[in-house]
N, C-alpha and C. Protein backbone atom coordinates (compact mmCIF):
# COMPACT_ATOMS: atom_id res chain seq x y z
N MET A 1 0.87 -1.18 0.00
CA MET A 1 -0.01 -0.03 0.00
C MET A 1 0.87 1.23 0.01
N LEU A 2 0.70 2.08 -0.98
CA LEU A 2 1.45 3.33 -1.06
C LEU A 2 0.67 4.45 -0.37
N VAL A 3 1.40 5.27 0.36
CA VAL A 3 0.77 6.42 1.05
C VAL A 3 1.55 7.68 0.60
N GLU A 4 0.80 8.67 0.19
CA GLU A 4 1.45 9.95 -0.13
C GLU A 4 1.89 10.65 1.12
N MET A 5 2.99 11.40 1.05
CA MET A 5 3.50 12.07 2.22
C MET A 5 2.48 12.98 2.85
N THR A 6 1.71 13.68 2.05
CA THR A 6 0.73 14.62 2.63
C THR A 6 -0.37 13.88 3.40
N GLU A 7 -0.60 12.61 3.11
CA GLU A 7 -1.57 11.83 3.82
C GLU A 7 -1.12 11.49 5.25
N LEU A 8 0.21 11.58 5.52
CA LEU A 8 0.73 11.30 6.84
C LEU A 8 0.47 12.43 7.82
N LEU A 9 0.31 13.65 7.31
CA LEU A 9 0.12 14.83 8.15
C LEU A 9 -1.16 14.66 8.99
N GLY A 10 -1.03 14.89 10.26
CA GLY A 10 -2.18 14.82 11.15
C GLY A 10 -2.46 13.44 11.73
N ARG A 11 -1.79 12.42 11.21
CA ARG A 11 -2.00 11.04 11.75
C ARG A 11 -1.34 10.91 13.11
N GLN A 12 -2.03 10.20 13.97
CA GLN A 12 -1.48 9.96 15.34
C GLN A 12 -0.39 8.93 15.26
N ILE A 13 0.62 9.12 16.10
CA ILE A 13 1.73 8.19 16.22
C ILE A 13 1.68 7.47 17.57
N TYR A 14 1.71 6.15 17.53
CA TYR A 14 1.66 5.37 18.73
C TYR A 14 2.96 4.57 18.92
N THR A 15 3.37 4.44 20.19
CA THR A 15 4.56 3.65 20.53
C THR A 15 4.16 2.15 20.45
N PRO A 16 5.19 1.27 20.51
CA PRO A 16 4.87 -0.16 20.45
C PRO A 16 3.94 -0.66 21.56
N ASP A 17 3.97 0.03 22.69
CA ASP A 17 3.10 -0.40 23.80
C ASP A 17 1.77 0.37 23.84
N GLY A 18 1.46 1.09 22.73
CA GLY A 18 0.16 1.69 22.59
C GLY A 18 -0.02 3.09 23.15
N ARG A 19 1.08 3.74 23.56
CA ARG A 19 0.97 5.09 24.08
C ARG A 19 1.02 6.11 22.95
N LEU A 20 0.17 7.14 23.02
CA LEU A 20 0.14 8.19 22.01
C LEU A 20 1.28 9.13 22.17
N LEU A 21 2.13 9.21 21.13
CA LEU A 21 3.29 10.16 21.14
C LEU A 21 2.81 11.55 20.69
N GLY A 22 1.99 11.64 19.69
CA GLY A 22 1.52 12.89 19.17
C GLY A 22 1.04 12.72 17.73
N GLU A 23 0.95 13.80 17.01
CA GLU A 23 0.50 13.75 15.58
C GLU A 23 1.63 14.18 14.67
N VAL A 24 1.65 13.65 13.45
CA VAL A 24 2.65 14.01 12.46
C VAL A 24 2.38 15.46 12.01
N ASP A 25 3.34 16.36 12.25
CA ASP A 25 3.20 17.74 11.84
C ASP A 25 3.94 18.01 10.54
N ASN A 26 4.95 17.19 10.25
CA ASN A 26 5.71 17.37 9.04
C ASN A 26 6.45 16.07 8.72
N VAL A 27 6.86 15.95 7.48
CA VAL A 27 7.61 14.77 7.02
C VAL A 27 8.99 15.23 6.62
N ILE A 28 10.03 14.60 7.12
CA ILE A 28 11.39 14.93 6.83
C ILE A 28 11.84 14.02 5.69
N VAL A 29 12.31 14.63 4.58
CA VAL A 29 12.67 13.90 3.37
C VAL A 29 14.15 14.08 3.06
N ASP A 30 14.84 13.00 2.74
CA ASP A 30 16.20 13.06 2.22
C ASP A 30 16.04 13.17 0.71
N VAL A 31 16.23 14.39 0.18
CA VAL A 31 16.00 14.63 -1.24
C VAL A 31 17.02 13.94 -2.12
N ASP A 32 18.25 13.72 -1.62
CA ASP A 32 19.27 13.04 -2.39
C ASP A 32 18.88 11.61 -2.72
N SER A 33 18.30 10.91 -1.74
CA SER A 33 17.92 9.50 -1.96
C SER A 33 16.42 9.35 -2.20
N SER A 34 15.72 10.45 -2.21
CA SER A 34 14.24 10.42 -2.44
C SER A 34 13.52 9.50 -1.48
N LYS A 35 13.87 9.56 -0.22
CA LYS A 35 13.25 8.69 0.80
C LYS A 35 12.85 9.55 2.02
N VAL A 36 11.78 9.05 2.71
CA VAL A 36 11.38 9.67 3.94
C VAL A 36 12.39 9.36 5.01
N ASP A 37 12.90 10.38 5.67
CA ASP A 37 13.93 10.20 6.70
C ASP A 37 13.34 10.19 8.12
N GLY A 38 12.24 10.90 8.28
CA GLY A 38 11.66 10.95 9.63
C GLY A 38 10.32 11.65 9.65
N LEU A 39 9.71 11.60 10.83
CA LEU A 39 8.44 12.27 11.07
C LEU A 39 8.61 13.29 12.16
N TYR A 40 8.19 14.53 11.94
CA TYR A 40 8.34 15.58 12.92
C TYR A 40 7.04 15.75 13.70
N VAL A 41 7.18 15.72 15.05
CA VAL A 41 6.05 15.86 15.93
C VAL A 41 6.28 17.14 16.74
N ASP A 42 5.40 18.11 16.60
CA ASP A 42 5.55 19.39 17.25
C ASP A 42 5.13 19.31 18.70
N GLU A 43 3.99 18.75 19.01
CA GLU A 43 3.48 18.66 20.39
C GLU A 43 3.46 17.18 20.79
N THR A 44 4.42 16.81 21.64
CA THR A 44 4.52 15.40 22.06
C THR A 44 3.89 15.20 23.44
N SER A 45 3.66 13.97 23.78
CA SER A 45 3.06 13.62 25.09
C SER A 45 4.07 13.92 26.20
N PRO A 46 3.69 14.65 27.24
CA PRO A 46 4.60 14.92 28.35
C PRO A 46 4.97 13.63 29.12
N MET A 47 4.22 12.56 28.89
CA MET A 47 4.53 11.28 29.54
C MET A 47 5.75 10.59 28.86
N LEU A 48 5.97 10.99 27.61
CA LEU A 48 7.05 10.37 26.83
C LEU A 48 8.24 11.28 26.55
N VAL A 49 8.02 12.61 26.48
CA VAL A 49 9.05 13.56 26.12
C VAL A 49 9.06 14.70 27.15
N ASP A 50 10.23 14.98 27.72
CA ASP A 50 10.33 16.09 28.72
C ASP A 50 9.77 17.37 28.14
N ASP A 51 8.92 18.05 28.93
CA ASP A 51 8.38 19.35 28.57
C ASP A 51 7.58 19.32 27.26
N SER A 52 7.14 18.18 26.80
CA SER A 52 6.37 18.04 25.56
C SER A 52 7.11 18.70 24.39
N ARG A 53 8.44 18.56 24.39
CA ARG A 53 9.26 19.18 23.37
C ARG A 53 9.02 18.57 21.98
N PRO A 54 9.20 19.34 20.94
CA PRO A 54 9.11 18.78 19.57
C PRO A 54 10.18 17.72 19.37
N THR A 55 9.91 16.78 18.56
CA THR A 55 10.92 15.71 18.33
C THR A 55 10.77 15.16 16.91
N SER A 56 11.83 14.58 16.42
CA SER A 56 11.82 13.93 15.12
C SER A 56 11.96 12.46 15.32
N VAL A 57 11.08 11.69 14.75
CA VAL A 57 11.11 10.21 14.89
C VAL A 57 11.76 9.64 13.59
N PRO A 58 12.86 8.94 13.72
CA PRO A 58 13.45 8.31 12.51
C PRO A 58 12.46 7.37 11.83
N TYR A 59 12.35 7.44 10.52
CA TYR A 59 11.36 6.63 9.81
C TYR A 59 11.66 5.13 9.96
N ARG A 60 12.90 4.81 10.22
CA ARG A 60 13.24 3.38 10.39
C ARG A 60 12.58 2.78 11.64
N TRP A 61 12.05 3.64 12.52
CA TRP A 61 11.35 3.19 13.70
C TRP A 61 9.87 2.87 13.42
N VAL A 62 9.39 3.24 12.22
CA VAL A 62 7.97 3.06 11.85
C VAL A 62 7.75 1.57 11.48
N SER A 63 6.75 1.01 12.11
CA SER A 63 6.39 -0.38 11.84
C SER A 63 5.29 -0.46 10.82
N ALA A 64 4.27 0.39 10.95
CA ALA A 64 3.10 0.33 10.06
C ALA A 64 2.49 1.71 9.91
N VAL A 65 1.92 1.94 8.75
CA VAL A 65 1.15 3.20 8.52
C VAL A 65 -0.19 2.80 7.94
N ASN A 66 -1.25 3.20 8.59
CA ASN A 66 -2.60 3.00 8.12
C ASN A 66 -3.42 4.20 8.59
N ASP A 67 -4.44 3.97 9.37
CA ASP A 67 -5.19 5.08 9.93
C ASP A 67 -4.32 5.85 10.96
N VAL A 68 -3.37 5.12 11.59
CA VAL A 68 -2.42 5.72 12.53
C VAL A 68 -0.99 5.23 12.12
N VAL A 69 -0.01 5.84 12.75
CA VAL A 69 1.36 5.40 12.55
C VAL A 69 1.78 4.60 13.78
N LEU A 70 2.23 3.41 13.57
CA LEU A 70 2.65 2.52 14.68
C LEU A 70 4.17 2.37 14.61
N LEU A 71 4.81 2.67 15.79
CA LEU A 71 6.26 2.54 15.85
C LEU A 71 6.69 1.16 16.31
N LYS A 72 7.78 0.66 15.83
CA LYS A 72 8.34 -0.61 16.34
C LYS A 72 9.33 -0.35 17.45
N TYR A 73 9.74 0.93 17.60
CA TYR A 73 10.67 1.28 18.68
C TYR A 73 10.41 2.72 19.09
N PHE A 74 10.48 3.00 20.38
CA PHE A 74 10.52 4.35 20.93
C PHE A 74 11.07 4.21 22.35
N PRO A 75 12.00 5.11 22.73
CA PRO A 75 12.55 5.03 24.09
C PRO A 75 11.46 5.13 25.15
N LYS A 76 11.72 4.59 26.32
CA LYS A 76 10.76 4.74 27.44
C LYS A 76 10.48 6.18 27.77
N ARG A 77 11.52 6.99 27.67
CA ARG A 77 11.39 8.44 28.03
C ARG A 77 12.45 9.19 27.26
N VAL A 78 12.10 10.34 26.70
CA VAL A 78 13.04 11.17 25.98
C VAL A 78 13.32 12.39 26.87
N SER A 79 14.63 12.62 27.11
CA SER A 79 14.98 13.76 27.92
C SER A 79 15.89 14.67 27.11
N VAL A 80 15.96 15.96 27.56
CA VAL A 80 16.75 16.97 26.87
C VAL A 80 18.13 17.01 27.55
N LYS A 81 19.16 16.86 26.76
CA LYS A 81 20.53 17.05 27.27
C LYS A 81 20.89 18.49 27.21
N LYS A 82 21.47 19.01 28.28
CA LYS A 82 21.85 20.41 28.31
C LYS A 82 23.37 20.51 28.15
N ALA A 83 23.80 21.21 27.16
CA ALA A 83 25.24 21.36 26.86
C ALA A 83 25.78 22.53 27.67
N GLY A 84 26.87 22.26 28.41
CA GLY A 84 27.58 23.33 29.10
C GLY A 84 26.74 24.01 30.15
N GLY A 85 25.75 23.33 30.69
CA GLY A 85 24.92 23.92 31.74
C GLY A 85 23.88 24.93 31.26
N ARG A 86 23.85 25.18 29.96
CA ARG A 86 22.87 26.11 29.42
C ARG A 86 21.63 25.33 28.94
N PRO A 87 20.43 25.85 29.15
CA PRO A 87 19.25 25.16 28.63
C PRO A 87 19.24 25.19 27.14
N ALA A 88 18.62 24.13 26.54
CA ALA A 88 18.49 24.07 25.10
C ALA A 88 17.50 25.12 24.63
N LYS A 89 17.65 25.57 23.40
CA LYS A 89 16.74 26.58 22.84
C LYS A 89 15.34 25.94 22.66
N GLU A 90 14.33 26.74 22.88
CA GLU A 90 12.95 26.28 22.82
C GLU A 90 12.53 25.84 21.45
N ALA A 91 13.00 26.50 20.41
CA ALA A 91 12.49 26.26 19.05
C ALA A 91 13.12 25.07 18.34
N GLU A 92 14.22 24.55 18.89
CA GLU A 92 14.90 23.45 18.23
C GLU A 92 14.26 22.10 18.54
N PRO A 93 14.03 21.27 17.53
CA PRO A 93 13.52 19.93 17.81
C PRO A 93 14.56 19.06 18.53
N VAL A 94 14.08 18.15 19.29
CA VAL A 94 14.94 17.34 20.09
C VAL A 94 14.98 15.93 19.48
N ALA A 95 16.17 15.41 19.26
CA ALA A 95 16.29 14.04 18.78
C ALA A 95 16.05 13.11 19.94
N PRO A 96 15.30 11.99 19.79
CA PRO A 96 15.04 11.10 20.83
C PRO A 96 16.29 10.43 21.34
N THR A 97 16.44 10.36 22.68
CA THR A 97 17.53 9.66 23.33
C THR A 97 16.95 8.79 24.41
N ALA A 98 17.45 7.62 24.56
CA ALA A 98 16.97 6.71 25.61
C ALA A 98 17.53 7.13 26.92
N ARG A 99 16.74 7.03 27.97
CA ARG A 99 17.19 7.42 29.30
C ARG A 99 17.77 6.23 30.01
């Protein structure tokens, strides 16, 4: 089943254990290889991501796409690493890291 990239926008993303991560706000594309590289989630669940920060989910973590997006992997909790004791900028997306 082929899905157009625009059809992914607004679909809910669920972790392997059924927790709602958020909705697809944008699709990240590697134009050189013409492949989807990731899914951008602007408002994430505070239960899964510190401060409900935006995050990018690598597309290799996607298990299935239908009415919702199901992930085959997602860390138990995503936290923000602070470099040099300074807080991270609010507008930058956070890459998922396992705690």
